[in-house]
C-alpha atoms as a PDB file:
ATOM      1  CA  MET A   1      -8.481   4.262   1.800  1.00  0.00           C
ATOM      2  CA  GLU A   2      -8.566   7.769   3.239  1.00  0.00           C
ATOM      3  CA  LYS A   3      -6.539  10.494   4.424  1.00  0.00           C
ATOM      4  CA  THR A   4      -7.463  13.636   5.857  1.00  0.00           C
ATOM      5  CA  VAL A   5      -5.033  16.740   5.016  1.00  0.00           C
ATOM      6  CA  ASP A   6      -5.066  19.777   6.895  1.00  0.00           C
ATOM      7  CA  ALA A   7      -4.162  22.668   5.763  1.00  0.00           C
ATOM      8  CA  ARG A   8      -5.762  25.108   8.317  1.00  0.00           C
ATOM      9  CA  GLY A   9      -4.218  28.400   8.945  1.00  0.00           C
ATOM     10  CA  LEU A  10      -2.397  28.205   5.901  1.00  0.00           C
ATOM     11  CA  MET A  11      -3.101  30.412   2.614  1.00  0.00           C
ATOM     12  CA  CYS A  12      -3.320  29.125  -1.140  1.00  0.00           C
ATOM     13  CA  PRO A  13      -1.500  27.658  -3.241  1.00  0.00           C
ATOM     14  CA  GLN A  14       0.143  25.179   0.432  1.00  0.00           C
ATOM     15  CA  PRO A  15      -3.737  23.736   0.921  1.00  0.00           C
ATOM     16  CA  LEU A  16      -4.106  22.982  -2.626  1.00  0.00           C
ATOM     17  CA  LEU A  17      -0.740  22.120  -3.161  1.00  0.00           C
ATOM     18  CA  MET A  18      -0.915  19.047  -0.032  1.00  0.00           C
ATOM     19  CA  SER A  19      -3.955  17.697  -1.753  1.00  0.00           C
ATOM     20  CA  LYS A  20      -2.453  17.305  -5.315  1.00  0.00           C
ATOM     21  CA  ARG A  21       0.160  15.727  -3.251  1.00  0.00           C
ATOM     22  CA  GLU A  22      -1.395  13.166  -1.613  1.00  0.00           C
ATOM     23  CA  LEU A  23      -3.987  12.214  -4.396  1.00  0.00           C
ATOM     24  CA  THR A  24      -0.724  11.427  -6.103  1.00  0.00           C
ATOM     25  CA  LYS A  25       0.400   9.426  -3.022  1.00  0.00           C
ATOM     26  CA  LEU A  26      -3.748   7.356  -3.745  1.00  0.00           C
ATOM     27  CA  GLU A  27      -4.082   4.764  -6.768  1.00  0.00           C
ATOM     28  CA  GLN A  28      -8.077   5.235  -5.429  1.00  0.00           C
ATOM     29  CA  GLY A  29      -9.272   6.482  -2.365  1.00  0.00           C
ATOM     30  CA  ARG A  30     -10.277   9.812  -0.485  1.00  0.00           C
ATOM     31  CA  ILE A  31      -9.034  12.742   0.905  1.00  0.00           C
ATOM     32  CA  ILE A  32     -10.309  14.642   2.971  1.00  0.00           C
ATOM     33  CA  VAL A  33      -8.826  18.527   3.133  1.00  0.00           C
ATOM     34  CA  LEU A  34      -9.522  20.631   6.140  1.00  0.00           C
ATOM     35  CA  VAL A  35      -9.505  24.412   5.914  1.00  0.00           C
ATOM     36  CA  ASP A  36      -9.878  27.697   7.571  1.00  0.00           C
ATOM     37  CA  ASN A  37     -11.709  29.610   4.745  1.00  0.00           C
ATOM     38  CA  ALA A  38     -14.077  29.149   2.131  1.00  0.00           C
ATOM     39  CA  VAL A  39     -12.479  30.698  -0.695  1.00  0.00           C
ATOM     40  CA  THR A  40      -9.577  28.254  -0.629  1.00  0.00           C
ATOM     41  CA  ALA A  41     -12.133  25.493  -0.293  1.00  0.00           C
ATOM     42  CA  GLY A  42     -13.860  26.588  -3.346  1.00  0.00           C
ATOM     43  CA  ASN A  43     -10.120  26.079  -5.406  1.00  0.00           C
ATOM     44  CA  ILE A  44      -9.755  23.314  -4.557  1.00  0.00           C
ATOM     45  CA  VAL A  45     -13.078  21.857  -5.038  1.00  0.00           C
ATOM     46  CA  ALA A  46     -13.020  23.413  -8.617  1.00  0.00           C
ATOM     47  CA  TRP A  47      -9.369  22.146  -9.220  1.00  0.00           C
ATOM     48  CA  ALA A  48     -10.747  18.678  -8.332  1.00  0.00           C
ATOM     49  CA  GLU A  49     -13.962  18.822 -10.674  1.00  0.00           C
ATOM     50  CA  ALA A  50     -11.890  19.992 -13.917  1.00  0.00           C
ATOM     51  CA  GLU A  51      -9.455  17.346 -13.140  1.00  0.00           C
ATOM     52  CA  GLY A  52     -12.534  14.705 -13.257  1.00  0.00           C
ATOM     53  CA  PHE A  53     -12.402  14.009  -9.010  1.00  0.00           C
ATOM     54  CA  LEU A  54     -15.401  14.517  -7.117  1.00  0.00           C
ATOM     55  CA  ALA A  55     -15.946  16.968  -4.799  1.00  0.00           C
ATOM     56  CA  GLU A  56     -18.005  18.254  -1.975  1.00  0.00           C
ATOM     57  CA  THR A  57     -17.363  20.711   0.752  1.00  0.00           C
ATOM     58  CA  GLU A  58     -19.064  20.742   4.048  1.00  0.00           C
ATOM     59  CA  ARG A  59     -18.769  22.742   7.470  1.00  0.00           C
ATOM     60  CA  ARG A  60     -17.749  21.756  10.429  1.00  0.00           C
ATOM     61  CA  GLY A  61     -17.625  24.084  13.056  1.00  0.00           C
ATOM     62  CA  GLY A  62     -15.721  27.144  11.841  1.00  0.00           C
ATOM     63  CA  ASP A  63     -14.141  24.711   9.033  1.00  0.00           C
ATOM     64  CA  HIS A  64     -14.090  23.622   5.736  1.00  0.00           C
ATOM     65  CA  ALA A  65     -13.877  19.512   4.715  1.00  0.00           C
ATOM     66  CA  VAL A  66     -13.417  20.116   1.522  1.00  0.00           C
ATOM     67  CA  THR A  67     -13.833  15.395   0.451  1.00  0.00           C
ATOM     68  CA  VAL A  68     -12.247  15.100  -2.718  1.00  0.00           C
ATOM     69  CA  ASP A  69     -12.898  11.366  -4.608  1.00  0.00           C
ATOM     70  CA  LYS A  70     -10.441   9.762  -6.695  1.00  0.00           C
ATOM     71  CA  ASN A  71     -11.787   6.451  -7.963  1.00  0.00           C
END
């Protein structure tokens, strides 16, 4: 299962909290979190990796897409 979370325009910690909430709903799968700044993307990746998830970031125009896999 894959879920997209649009957190563009939100300040930390809201995008991180939204990411956590969506991951807890999944037994396994992937979320893609859209954010509009590199610092927020980095915070989500750091948290995800600390929790043992695979995470990566890619640029999409002026935004960042953080992919977090929960398997």
